[in-house]
Amino acid sequence: MSKGYAEGSAFEERLADLERSKRQKREKSVPLRLAVFGSTADEPDAHFLGWSDEVDADDLFASGDAYGIKLRRVPAPTRPAAPPRDGAARR
């Protein structure tokens, strides 16, 4: 293998690494949060039940309120959810 070929391949690989690093800098890192998904009697399809630090998945399953529980890392919301419109929390 000639020295020119080795330098050419290394140069091309370095350019590819540089391009990958540029793309990764453009992508914003989104914080992830552990969410609890599962099914209930009212809604048999798997759906969001709550955040794992706010909902006890073991208690939901043990009580029979939910089944097929899975924990998933999902992008955390960037702003707080709107309060319920039943008049409980007014702005």
N, C-alpha and C. Protein backbone atom coordinates (compact mmCIF):
# COMPACT_ATOMS: atom_id res chain seq x y z
N MET A 1 0.86 -1.16 0.00
CA MET A 1 0.00 0.00 0.00
C MET A 1 0.91 1.23 0.00
N SER A 2 0.66 2.13 -0.92
CA SER A 2 1.51 3.31 -1.01
C SER A 2 1.11 4.34 0.05
N LYS A 3 2.05 5.18 0.38
CA LYS A 3 1.81 6.19 1.40
C LYS A 3 0.75 7.20 0.95
N GLY A 4 0.71 7.51 -0.32
CA GLY A 4 -0.28 8.46 -0.85
C GLY A 4 -1.71 7.97 -0.65
N TYR A 5 -1.92 6.66 -0.83
CA TYR A 5 -3.25 6.10 -0.65
C TYR A 5 -3.69 6.21 0.81
N ALA A 6 -2.77 5.90 1.74
CA ALA A 6 -3.09 5.97 3.16
C ALA A 6 -3.42 7.39 3.56
N GLU A 7 -2.65 8.36 3.05
CA GLU A 7 -2.93 9.75 3.37
C GLU A 7 -4.26 10.20 2.77
N GLY A 8 -4.55 9.73 1.57
CA GLY A 8 -5.82 10.11 0.92
C GLY A 8 -7.01 9.57 1.69
N SER A 9 -6.95 8.34 2.09
CA SER A 9 -8.05 7.75 2.85
C SER A 9 -8.21 8.44 4.20
N ALA A 10 -7.11 8.72 4.85
CA ALA A 10 -7.18 9.40 6.15
C ALA A 10 -7.75 10.80 5.99
N PHE A 11 -7.37 11.48 4.91
CA PHE A 11 -7.88 12.82 4.66
C PHE A 11 -9.39 12.78 4.40
N GLU A 12 -9.84 11.83 3.60
CA GLU A 12 -11.27 11.71 3.32
C GLU A 12 -12.05 11.38 4.59
N GLU A 13 -11.50 10.51 5.41
CA GLU A 13 -12.18 10.15 6.66
C GLU A 13 -12.25 11.35 7.60
N ARG A 14 -11.18 12.13 7.64
CA ARG A 14 -11.17 13.33 8.48
C ARG A 14 -12.22 14.33 8.01
N LEU A 15 -12.36 14.50 6.71
CA LEU A 15 -13.40 15.40 6.17
C LEU A 15 -14.80 14.88 6.53
N ALA A 16 -15.00 13.57 6.46
CA ALA A 16 -16.29 12.99 6.83
C ALA A 16 -16.58 13.22 8.32
N ASP A 17 -15.56 13.05 9.18
CA ASP A 17 -15.73 13.32 10.61
C ASP A 17 -16.09 14.78 10.86
N LEU A 18 -15.44 15.67 10.13
CA LEU A 18 -15.72 17.10 10.28
C LEU A 18 -17.15 17.42 9.88
N GLU A 19 -17.63 16.83 8.81
CA GLU A 19 -19.00 17.06 8.36
C GLU A 19 -20.01 16.50 9.37
N ARG A 20 -19.72 15.31 9.91
CA ARG A 20 -20.61 14.73 10.92
C ARG A 20 -20.68 15.61 12.16
N SER A 21 -19.55 16.15 12.59
CA SER A 21 -19.54 17.00 13.78
C SER A 21 -20.32 18.29 13.53
N LYS A 22 -20.28 18.82 12.31
CA LYS A 22 -21.06 20.01 11.99
C LYS A 22 -22.54 19.72 12.07
N ARG A 23 -22.96 18.56 11.55
CA ARG A 23 -24.38 18.19 11.59
C ARG A 23 -24.84 17.99 13.03
N GLN A 24 -24.02 17.37 13.85
CA GLN A 24 -24.41 17.11 15.23
C GLN A 24 -24.52 18.40 16.03
N LYS A 25 -23.72 19.40 15.72
CA LYS A 25 -23.83 20.68 16.42
C LYS A 25 -25.12 21.39 16.08
N ARG A 26 -25.61 21.20 14.86
CA ARG A 26 -26.86 21.85 14.44
C ARG A 26 -28.06 21.23 15.14
N GLU A 27 -27.99 19.94 15.43
CA GLU A 27 -29.10 19.27 16.10
C GLU A 27 -29.10 19.66 17.57
N LYS A 28 -30.22 20.17 18.03
CA LYS A 28 -30.31 20.54 19.44
C LYS A 28 -30.52 19.27 20.27
N SER A 29 -29.83 19.20 21.38
CA SER A 29 -30.05 18.06 22.25
C SER A 29 -31.31 18.32 23.07
N VAL A 30 -32.24 17.43 22.93
CA VAL A 30 -33.53 17.56 23.60
C VAL A 30 -33.48 16.74 24.87
N PRO A 31 -33.82 17.34 26.01
CA PRO A 31 -33.82 16.54 27.24
C PRO A 31 -34.90 15.47 27.19
N LEU A 32 -34.57 14.30 27.68
CA LEU A 32 -35.51 13.18 27.70
C LEU A 32 -36.03 12.98 29.11
N ARG A 33 -37.26 12.50 29.20
CA ARG A 33 -37.88 12.24 30.49
C ARG A 33 -38.53 10.86 30.43
N LEU A 34 -38.51 10.16 31.54
CA LEU A 34 -39.06 8.81 31.59
C LEU A 34 -40.58 8.89 31.78
N ALA A 35 -41.31 8.33 30.81
CA ALA A 35 -42.76 8.38 30.82
C ALA A 35 -43.33 6.98 31.01
N VAL A 36 -44.53 6.92 31.58
CA VAL A 36 -45.23 5.66 31.80
C VAL A 36 -46.35 5.56 30.77
N PHE A 37 -46.33 4.48 29.99
CA PHE A 37 -47.38 4.21 29.02
C PHE A 37 -48.04 2.90 29.38
N GLY A 38 -49.32 2.77 29.10
CA GLY A 38 -50.02 1.54 29.38
C GLY A 38 -51.46 1.62 28.91
N SER A 39 -52.21 0.57 29.20
CA SER A 39 -53.62 0.49 28.81
C SER A 39 -54.49 0.51 30.05
N THR A 40 -55.70 1.00 29.88
CA THR A 40 -56.68 1.01 30.96
C THR A 40 -57.98 0.39 30.46
N ALA A 41 -58.91 0.16 31.35
CA ALA A 41 -60.20 -0.40 30.95
C ALA A 41 -60.94 0.55 30.02
N ASP A 42 -60.83 1.84 30.26
CA ASP A 42 -61.52 2.83 29.43
C ASP A 42 -60.85 3.01 28.07
N GLU A 43 -59.56 2.85 28.01
CA GLU A 43 -58.81 3.04 26.77
C GLU A 43 -57.83 1.88 26.61
N PRO A 44 -58.24 0.83 25.86
CA PRO A 44 -57.41 -0.38 25.76
C PRO A 44 -56.12 -0.20 24.95
N ASP A 45 -56.05 0.82 24.11
CA ASP A 45 -54.79 1.07 23.39
C ASP A 45 -53.81 1.73 24.34
N ALA A 46 -52.53 1.39 24.19
CA ALA A 46 -51.50 1.98 25.05
C ALA A 46 -51.48 3.49 24.87
N HIS A 47 -51.41 4.21 25.97
CA HIS A 47 -51.38 5.66 25.95
C HIS A 47 -50.57 6.18 27.13
N PHE A 48 -50.30 7.47 27.12
CA PHE A 48 -49.51 8.11 28.17
C PHE A 48 -50.30 8.12 29.47
N LEU A 49 -49.68 7.61 30.54
CA LEU A 49 -50.33 7.59 31.85
C LEU A 49 -49.77 8.65 32.78
N GLY A 50 -48.53 9.03 32.57
CA GLY A 50 -47.91 10.05 33.41
C GLY A 50 -46.40 9.93 33.37
N TRP A 51 -45.75 10.84 34.06
CA TRP A 51 -44.29 10.81 34.17
C TRP A 51 -43.91 9.88 35.31
N SER A 52 -42.81 9.16 35.15
CA SER A 52 -42.44 8.14 36.13
C SER A 52 -42.13 8.72 37.50
N ASP A 53 -41.73 9.98 37.58
CA ASP A 53 -41.48 10.56 38.90
C ASP A 53 -42.75 11.09 39.55
N GLU A 54 -43.87 11.08 38.81
CA GLU A 54 -45.15 11.55 39.36
C GLU A 54 -46.16 10.42 39.52
N VAL A 55 -45.98 9.32 38.80
CA VAL A 55 -46.92 8.19 38.81
C VAL A 55 -46.15 6.94 39.19
N ASP A 56 -46.71 6.13 40.07
CA ASP A 56 -46.06 4.88 40.45
C ASP A 56 -46.60 3.76 39.57
N ALA A 57 -45.79 3.32 38.62
CA ALA A 57 -46.20 2.30 37.67
C ALA A 57 -46.54 0.98 38.38
N ASP A 58 -45.79 0.63 39.41
CA ASP A 58 -46.07 -0.62 40.13
C ASP A 58 -47.43 -0.58 40.81
N ASP A 59 -47.77 0.56 41.41
CA ASP A 59 -49.08 0.69 42.05
C ASP A 59 -50.22 0.64 41.04
N LEU A 60 -50.03 1.26 39.88
CA LEU A 60 -51.05 1.21 38.83
C LEU A 60 -51.32 -0.22 38.41
N PHE A 61 -50.26 -0.99 38.24
CA PHE A 61 -50.42 -2.37 37.83
C PHE A 61 -51.01 -3.22 38.95
N ALA A 62 -50.49 -3.06 40.16
CA ALA A 62 -50.97 -3.87 41.30
C ALA A 62 -52.44 -3.62 41.60
N SER A 63 -52.89 -2.39 41.43
CA SER A 63 -54.29 -2.06 41.72
C SER A 63 -55.23 -2.51 40.59
N GLY A 64 -54.66 -2.85 39.44
CA GLY A 64 -55.49 -3.25 38.31
C GLY A 64 -56.00 -2.08 37.49
N ASP A 65 -55.56 -0.86 37.83
CA ASP A 65 -56.00 0.31 37.08
C ASP A 65 -55.38 0.37 35.69
N ALA A 66 -54.21 -0.23 35.52
CA ALA A 66 -53.54 -0.21 34.21
C ALA A 66 -52.80 -1.53 34.01
N TYR A 67 -52.61 -1.86 32.75
CA TYR A 67 -51.88 -3.08 32.41
C TYR A 67 -51.03 -2.82 31.16
N GLY A 68 -50.11 -3.72 30.88
CA GLY A 68 -49.22 -3.55 29.73
C GLY A 68 -48.35 -2.31 29.87
N ILE A 69 -47.91 -2.06 31.08
CA ILE A 69 -47.16 -0.83 31.38
C ILE A 69 -45.74 -0.92 30.83
N LYS A 70 -45.34 0.17 30.19
CA LYS A 70 -43.96 0.28 29.68
C LYS A 70 -43.43 1.65 30.04
N LEU A 71 -42.14 1.70 30.32
CA LEU A 71 -41.47 2.97 30.58
C LEU A 71 -40.68 3.34 29.34
N ARG A 72 -40.85 4.57 28.88
CA ARG A 72 -40.15 5.03 27.67
C ARG A 72 -39.53 6.39 27.94
N ARG A 73 -38.38 6.60 27.35
CA ARG A 73 -37.75 7.92 27.39
C ARG A 73 -38.28 8.72 26.21
N VAL A 74 -38.94 9.82 26.52
CA VAL A 74 -39.53 10.67 25.49
C VAL A 74 -39.03 12.10 25.67
N PRO A 75 -39.05 12.90 24.62
CA PRO A 75 -38.64 14.30 24.78
C PRO A 75 -39.51 15.01 25.81
N ALA A 76 -38.86 15.70 26.72
CA ALA A 76 -39.59 16.42 27.76
C ALA A 76 -40.24 17.65 27.15
N PRO A 77 -41.43 18.01 27.61
CA PRO A 77 -42.06 19.23 27.09
C PRO A 77 -41.22 20.45 27.44
N THR A 78 -41.17 21.39 26.51
CA THR A 78 -40.35 22.58 26.73
C THR A 78 -41.09 23.66 27.50
N ARG A 79 -42.39 23.54 27.61
CA ARG A 79 -43.17 24.50 28.39
C ARG A 79 -44.19 23.74 29.22
N PRO A 80 -44.64 24.31 30.32
CA PRO A 80 -45.60 23.60 31.16
C PRO A 80 -46.94 23.43 30.46
N ALA A 81 -47.62 22.38 30.81
CA ALA A 81 -48.93 22.12 30.22
C ALA A 81 -49.93 23.15 30.72
N ALA A 82 -50.94 23.40 29.91
CA ALA A 82 -51.99 24.36 30.29
C ALA A 82 -52.79 23.80 31.46
N PRO A 83 -53.21 24.64 32.38
CA PRO A 83 -54.02 24.15 33.50
C PRO A 83 -55.39 23.70 33.01
N PRO A 84 -56.05 22.84 33.77
CA PRO A 84 -57.39 22.39 33.37
C PRO A 84 -58.34 23.57 33.31
N ARG A 85 -59.30 23.50 32.42
CA ARG A 85 -60.23 24.61 32.22
C ARG A 85 -61.50 24.47 33.06
N ASP A 86 -61.47 23.66 34.08
CA ASP A 86 -62.66 23.49 34.92
C ASP A 86 -62.75 24.55 36.01
N GLY A 87 -61.91 25.55 35.93
CA GLY A 87 -61.97 26.63 36.90
C GLY A 87 -61.10 26.40 38.13
N ALA A 88 -60.42 25.28 38.20
CA ALA A 88 -59.61 24.95 39.37
C ALA A 88 -58.42 25.89 39.50
N ALA A 89 -57.81 26.22 38.41
CA ALA A 89 -56.63 27.09 38.49
C ALA A 89 -56.81 28.24 37.51
N ARG A 90 -57.05 29.41 38.03
CA ARG A 90 -57.22 30.59 37.18
C ARG A 90 -55.94 31.36 37.10
N ARG A 91 -55.74 31.99 35.97
CA ARG A 91 -54.54 32.80 35.77
C ARG A 91 -54.73 34.20 36.25
